[in-house]
Amino acid sequence: MTLRPIRLNSLPGTLWKNGAGTTRLLIERPEWRLSVATISRAAPFSSFPGLFRQMGLLAGNGVRLLPASDTPPLVLGQLGDRIQFDGALPLTGTPLDGPVEALNLMRPADRNGPNLITITPENPPAGSLRGFIPVTGEWNVLTHQQHDTLAPGDIFLSETPFELAILKPGQIAYGIS
């Protein structure tokens, strides 16, 4: 099993077509794609027909996604929040108070696949993970023979599912299950 720690700040960002943010690609496979978007101002989101999207707030004071239709907005208001939506849904993202970083997991809508979950010591993962992304605090992660200390901005990804041991009160992380 190969676990791969990634330092988010070491990855290059790709400017969005509309210039309102950047994306840092973490992993791209036929069955899923994981990236981190930095949203610096209000702007339309790219449309991804046929994909199911899940997002979580990594840093910042939140973002509101406004659909073009009369449906209610989707809001990532605090660290650990998650939202999910059809990738074809036309949305405009508006940071609530300054730039934000959002974790973005996409997979084909017609397939089961990885899901974004929120992890806390009070809400540990129910099974194996493919990824682990700290949001607050420093995490001591033990997976089989490997031990790492991860902090916000660190990401752990694996080609094969892994289990982890975590426990410090008050921490928040995201997992890819």
C-alpha atoms as a PDB file:
ATOM      1  CA  MET A   1       0.000   0.000   0.000  1.00  0.00           C
ATOM      2  CA  THR A   2       1.324   3.425  -0.908  1.00  0.00           C
ATOM      3  CA  LEU A   3       0.137   6.414   1.058  1.00  0.00           C
ATOM      4  CA  ARG A   4       1.063   9.719  -0.433  1.00  0.00           C
ATOM      5  CA  PRO A   5       1.284  12.850   1.722  1.00  0.00           C
ATOM      6  CA  ILE A   6       0.842  16.058  -0.285  1.00  0.00           C
ATOM      7  CA  ARG A   7       1.546  19.609   0.881  1.00  0.00           C
ATOM      8  CA  LEU A   8      -1.161  21.807  -0.630  1.00  0.00           C
ATOM      9  CA  ASN A   9       1.080  24.879  -0.779  1.00  0.00           C
ATOM     10  CA  SER A  10       3.581  22.938  -2.922  1.00  0.00           C
ATOM     11  CA  LEU A  11       1.054  22.394  -5.738  1.00  0.00           C
ATOM     12  CA  PRO A  12       0.761  24.883  -8.580  1.00  0.00           C
ATOM     13  CA  GLY A  13      -2.566  26.591  -9.083  1.00  0.00           C
ATOM     14  CA  THR A  14      -4.366  26.782 -12.411  1.00  0.00           C
ATOM     15  CA  LEU A  15      -6.254  30.010 -13.031  1.00  0.00           C
ATOM     16  CA  TRP A  16      -9.976  29.609 -13.711  1.00  0.00           C
ATOM     17  CA  LYS A  17     -11.172  30.593 -17.182  1.00  0.00           C
ATOM     18  CA  ASN A  18     -13.010  33.569 -15.658  1.00  0.00           C
ATOM     19  CA  GLY A  19     -10.017  34.610 -13.531  1.00  0.00           C
ATOM     20  CA  ALA A  20     -12.016  34.603 -10.285  1.00  0.00           C
ATOM     21  CA  GLY A  21     -10.052  31.826  -8.619  1.00  0.00           C
ATOM     22  CA  THR A  22      -7.542  29.038  -8.941  1.00  0.00           C
ATOM     23  CA  THR A  23      -7.672  25.261  -8.733  1.00  0.00           C
ATOM     24  CA  ARG A  24      -4.998  22.910  -7.416  1.00  0.00           C
ATOM     25  CA  LEU A  25      -5.464  19.344  -8.643  1.00  0.00           C
ATOM     26  CA  LEU A  26      -4.797  16.678  -6.003  1.00  0.00           C
ATOM     27  CA  ILE A  27      -5.725  13.513  -7.906  1.00  0.00           C
ATOM     28  CA  GLU A  28      -7.548  12.657 -11.118  1.00  0.00           C
ATOM     29  CA  ARG A  29      -8.724   9.144 -11.915  1.00  0.00           C
ATOM     30  CA  PRO A  30     -11.450   7.935 -14.309  1.00  0.00           C
ATOM     31  CA  GLU A  31     -13.747   7.314 -11.326  1.00  0.00           C
ATOM     32  CA  TRP A  32     -13.061  10.524  -9.355  1.00  0.00           C
ATOM     33  CA  ARG A  33     -11.241  13.846  -9.216  1.00  0.00           C
ATOM     34  CA  LEU A  34     -10.184  15.801  -6.129  1.00  0.00           C
ATOM     35  CA  SER A  35      -9.041  19.422  -6.156  1.00  0.00           C
ATOM     36  CA  VAL A  36      -8.892  22.526  -3.990  1.00  0.00           C
ATOM     37  CA  ALA A  37     -10.394  25.737  -5.337  1.00  0.00           C
ATOM     38  CA  THR A  38      -9.435  29.178  -4.083  1.00  0.00           C
ATOM     39  CA  ILE A  39     -12.412  31.487  -4.620  1.00  0.00           C
ATOM     40  CA  SER A  40     -11.408  35.133  -4.417  1.00  0.00           C
ATOM     41  CA  ARG A  41     -14.544  36.913  -5.680  1.00  0.00           C
ATOM     42  CA  ALA A  42     -18.063  36.251  -6.942  1.00  0.00           C
ATOM     43  CA  ALA A  43     -18.022  34.312 -10.210  1.00  0.00           C
ATOM     44  CA  PRO A  44     -19.868  31.592 -12.117  1.00  0.00           C
ATOM     45  CA  PHE A  45     -18.770  28.034 -11.479  1.00  0.00           C
ATOM     46  CA  SER A  46     -17.831  25.824 -14.409  1.00  0.00           C
ATOM     47  CA  SER A  47     -20.507  23.374 -15.496  1.00  0.00           C
ATOM     48  CA  PHE A  48     -19.675  19.650 -15.368  1.00  0.00           C
ATOM     49  CA  PRO A  49     -22.639  17.779 -16.921  1.00  0.00           C
ATOM     50  CA  GLY A  50     -22.744  14.114 -15.955  1.00  0.00           C
ATOM     51  CA  LEU A  51     -20.758  14.648 -12.761  1.00  0.00           C
ATOM     52  CA  PHE A  52     -21.818  14.661  -9.118  1.00  0.00           C
ATOM     53  CA  ARG A  53     -20.000  17.287  -7.030  1.00  0.00           C
ATOM     54  CA  GLN A  54     -19.276  17.421  -3.310  1.00  0.00           C
ATOM     55  CA  MET A  55     -17.588  20.374  -1.605  1.00  0.00           C
ATOM     56  CA  GLY A  56     -16.213  21.152   1.828  1.00  0.00           C
ATOM     57  CA  LEU A  57     -14.837  24.381   3.332  1.00  0.00           C
ATOM     58  CA  LEU A  58     -11.103  24.132   4.080  1.00  0.00           C
ATOM     59  CA  ALA A  59     -10.300  27.771   4.898  1.00  0.00           C
ATOM     60  CA  GLY A  60     -12.003  31.141   4.993  1.00  0.00           C
ATOM     61  CA  ASN A  61     -15.310  32.513   6.204  1.00  0.00           C
ATOM     62  CA  GLY A  62     -17.622  30.615   3.880  1.00  0.00           C
ATOM     63  CA  VAL A  63     -19.041  30.682   0.400  1.00  0.00           C
ATOM     64  CA  ARG A  64     -22.587  30.876  -0.959  1.00  0.00           C
ATOM     65  CA  LEU A  65     -23.437  29.103  -4.216  1.00  0.00           C
ATOM     66  CA  LEU A  66     -26.392  30.715  -5.937  1.00  0.00           C
ATOM     67  CA  PRO A  67     -28.237  28.603  -8.529  1.00  0.00           C
ATOM     68  CA  ALA A  68     -29.540  30.362 -11.647  1.00  0.00           C
ATOM     69  CA  SER A  69     -32.982  28.867 -10.945  1.00  0.00           C
ATOM     70  CA  ASP A  70     -35.343  29.563  -8.047  1.00  0.00           C
ATOM     71  CA  THR A  71     -33.785  26.831  -5.884  1.00  0.00           C
ATOM     72  CA  PRO A  72     -32.323  27.873  -2.531  1.00  0.00           C
ATOM     73  CA  PRO A  73     -28.615  28.732  -2.290  1.00  0.00           C
ATOM     74  CA  LEU A  74     -26.073  26.180  -1.120  1.00  0.00           C
ATOM     75  CA  VAL A  75     -23.868  27.478   1.697  1.00  0.00           C
ATOM     76  CA  LEU A  76     -20.552  26.354   3.129  1.00  0.00           C
ATOM     77  CA  GLY A  77     -20.723  28.504   6.242  1.00  0.00           C
ATOM     78  CA  GLN A  78     -18.159  26.934   8.541  1.00  0.00           C
ATOM     79  CA  LEU A  79     -15.206  24.589   8.504  1.00  0.00           C
ATOM     80  CA  GLY A  80     -16.371  20.993   8.233  1.00  0.00           C
ATOM     81  CA  ASP A  81     -19.564  21.844   6.302  1.00  0.00           C
ATOM     82  CA  ARG A  82     -20.276  19.813   3.171  1.00  0.00           C
ATOM     83  CA  ILE A  83     -22.610  20.328   0.233  1.00  0.00           C
ATOM     84  CA  GLN A  84     -23.406  18.199  -2.801  1.00  0.00           C
ATOM     85  CA  PHE A  85     -25.000  19.031  -6.133  1.00  0.00           C
ATOM     86  CA  ASP A  86     -25.358  18.107  -9.784  1.00  0.00           C
ATOM     87  CA  GLY A  87     -22.281  19.227 -11.722  1.00  0.00           C
ATOM     88  CA  ALA A  88     -24.488  20.619 -14.512  1.00  0.00           C
ATOM     89  CA  LEU A  89     -26.277  23.013 -12.127  1.00  0.00           C
ATOM     90  CA  PRO A  90     -25.447  26.622 -13.114  1.00  0.00           C
ATOM     91  CA  LEU A  91     -24.049  28.300  -9.980  1.00  0.00           C
ATOM     92  CA  THR A  92     -22.397  31.544  -8.996  1.00  0.00           C
ATOM     93  CA  GLY A  93     -20.047  31.260  -6.026  1.00  0.00           C
ATOM     94  CA  THR A  94     -19.729  34.244  -3.707  1.00  0.00           C
ATOM     95  CA  PRO A  95     -17.224  34.277  -0.824  1.00  0.00           C
ATOM     96  CA  LEU A  96     -18.947  35.503   2.353  1.00  0.00           C
ATOM     97  CA  ASP A  97     -16.030  37.567   3.699  1.00  0.00           C
ATOM     98  CA  GLY A  98     -12.732  37.277   1.849  1.00  0.00           C
ATOM     99  CA  PRO A  99     -11.166  34.446  -0.151  1.00  0.00           C
ATOM    100  CA  VAL A 100     -11.964  30.820   0.658  1.00  0.00           C
ATOM    101  CA  GLU A 101     -10.469  27.429  -0.091  1.00  0.00           C
ATOM    102  CA  ALA A 102     -12.937  24.678  -0.928  1.00  0.00           C
ATOM    103  CA  LEU A 103     -12.273  20.981  -1.358  1.00  0.00           C
ATOM    104  CA  ASN A 104     -14.004  19.733  -4.503  1.00  0.00           C
ATOM    105  CA  LEU A 105     -14.704  16.022  -5.133  1.00  0.00           C
ATOM    106  CA  MET A 106     -16.269  15.066  -8.468  1.00  0.00           C
ATOM    107  CA  ARG A 107     -17.323  11.665  -9.768  1.00  0.00           C
ATOM    108  CA  PRO A 108     -19.631  10.378 -12.518  1.00  0.00           C
ATOM    109  CA  ALA A 109     -23.263  10.926 -11.476  1.00  0.00           C
ATOM    110  CA  ASP A 110     -24.321   7.502 -12.711  1.00  0.00           C
ATOM    111  CA  ARG A 111     -21.840   5.581 -10.525  1.00  0.00           C
ATOM    112  CA  ASN A 112     -21.302   5.017  -6.854  1.00  0.00           C
ATOM    113  CA  GLY A 113     -17.896   6.197  -5.884  1.00  0.00           C
ATOM    114  CA  PRO A 114     -15.936   8.108  -3.346  1.00  0.00           C
ATOM    115  CA  ASN A 115     -17.787  10.432  -1.035  1.00  0.00           C
ATOM    116  CA  LEU A 116     -16.643  13.401   1.001  1.00  0.00           C
ATOM    117  CA  ILE A 117     -17.207  12.944   4.747  1.00  0.00           C
ATOM    118  CA  THR A 118     -16.533  15.147   7.769  1.00  0.00           C
ATOM    119  CA  ILE A 119     -14.336  13.574  10.449  1.00  0.00           C
ATOM    120  CA  THR A 120     -14.059  14.631  14.075  1.00  0.00           C
ATOM    121  CA  PRO A 121     -13.002  12.616  17.141  1.00  0.00           C
ATOM    122  CA  GLU A 122     -16.722  12.469  17.978  1.00  0.00           C
ATOM    123  CA  ASN A 123     -17.578  11.366  14.421  1.00  0.00           C
ATOM    124  CA  PRO A 124     -14.760   9.024  13.272  1.00  0.00           C
ATOM    125  CA  PRO A 125     -14.902   7.367   9.857  1.00  0.00           C
ATOM    126  CA  ALA A 126     -17.020   4.203   9.761  1.00  0.00           C
ATOM    127  CA  GLY A 127     -14.655   2.370   7.419  1.00  0.00           C
ATOM    128  CA  SER A 128     -11.691   2.661   5.122  1.00  0.00           C
ATOM    129  CA  LEU A 129     -10.609   5.909   3.490  1.00  0.00           C
ATOM    130  CA  ARG A 130      -8.932   6.876   0.224  1.00  0.00           C
ATOM    131  CA  GLY A 131      -7.991  10.327   1.444  1.00  0.00           C
ATOM    132  CA  PHE A 132      -7.626  12.417   4.599  1.00  0.00           C
ATOM    133  CA  ILE A 133      -7.503  16.213   4.703  1.00  0.00           C
ATOM    134  CA  PRO A 134      -7.038  18.056   8.045  1.00  0.00           C
ATOM    135  CA  VAL A 135      -9.025  21.272   8.429  1.00  0.00           C
ATOM    136  CA  THR A 136      -8.167  22.306  12.001  1.00  0.00           C
ATOM    137  CA  GLY A 137      -5.427  21.221  14.368  1.00  0.00           C
ATOM    138  CA  GLU A 138      -2.538  18.837  14.038  1.00  0.00           C
ATOM    139  CA  TRP A 139      -3.456  15.179  13.490  1.00  0.00           C
ATOM    140  CA  ASN A 140      -1.338  12.157  14.327  1.00  0.00           C
ATOM    141  CA  VAL A 141      -2.294   9.623  11.697  1.00  0.00           C
ATOM    142  CA  LEU A 142      -1.374   5.961  12.076  1.00  0.00           C
ATOM    143  CA  THR A 143      -2.128   3.727   9.100  1.00  0.00           C
ATOM    144  CA  HIS A 144      -0.800   0.183   9.276  1.00  0.00           C
ATOM    145  CA  GLN A 145       2.999   0.651   9.449  1.00  0.00           C
ATOM    146  CA  GLN A 146       3.063   4.371   8.617  1.00  0.00           C
ATOM    147  CA  HIS A 147       2.830   7.261  11.073  1.00  0.00           C
ATOM    148  CA  ASP A 148       2.567  10.875   9.980  1.00  0.00           C
ATOM    149  CA  THR A 149       1.715  14.183  11.594  1.00  0.00           C
ATOM    150  CA  LEU A 150      -0.598  16.220   9.392  1.00  0.00           C
ATOM    151  CA  ALA A 151      -1.786  19.814   9.714  1.00  0.00           C
ATOM    152  CA  PRO A 152      -4.165  21.965   7.652  1.00  0.00           C
ATOM    153  CA  GLY A 153      -2.732  22.146   4.156  1.00  0.00           C
ATOM    154  CA  ASP A 154      -1.566  18.523   4.256  1.00  0.00           C
ATOM    155  CA  ILE A 155      -3.400  15.841   2.329  1.00  0.00           C
ATOM    156  CA  PHE A 156      -3.052  12.074   2.546  1.00  0.00           C
ATOM    157  CA  LEU A 157      -4.128  10.070  -0.528  1.00  0.00           C
ATOM    158  CA  SER A 158      -3.893   6.358  -1.283  1.00  0.00           C
ATOM    159  CA  GLU A 159      -4.524   4.117  -4.287  1.00  0.00           C
ATOM    160  CA  THR A 160      -5.936   1.510  -1.901  1.00  0.00           C
ATOM    161  CA  PRO A 161      -8.318   2.176   1.002  1.00  0.00           C
ATOM    162  CA  PHE A 162      -6.729   2.604   4.441  1.00  0.00           C
ATOM    163  CA  GLU A 163      -7.905   2.946   8.016  1.00  0.00           C
ATOM    164  CA  LEU A 164      -6.590   5.503  10.435  1.00  0.00           C
ATOM    165  CA  ALA A 165      -6.402   6.180  14.132  1.00  0.00           C
ATOM    166  CA  ILE A 166      -7.169   9.733  15.221  1.00  0.00           C
ATOM    167  CA  LEU A 167      -8.153  11.328  18.460  1.00  0.00           C
ATOM    168  CA  LYS A 168      -7.804  14.851  19.739  1.00  0.00           C
ATOM    169  CA  PRO A 169     -10.850  16.800  20.888  1.00  0.00           C
ATOM    170  CA  GLY A 170     -11.993  19.763  18.813  1.00  0.00           C
ATOM    171  CA  GLN A 171     -10.409  18.802  15.517  1.00  0.00           C
ATOM    172  CA  ILE A 172     -12.065  18.721  12.098  1.00  0.00           C
ATOM    173  CA  ALA A 173     -10.949  16.904   8.940  1.00  0.00           C
ATOM    174  CA  TYR A 174     -12.422  15.661   5.690  1.00  0.00           C
ATOM    175  CA  GLY A 175     -12.146  12.118   4.470  1.00  0.00           C
ATOM    176  CA  ILE A 176     -12.682  10.499   1.116  1.00  0.00           C
ATOM    177  CA  SER A 177     -14.553   7.254   1.732  1.00  0.00           C
END
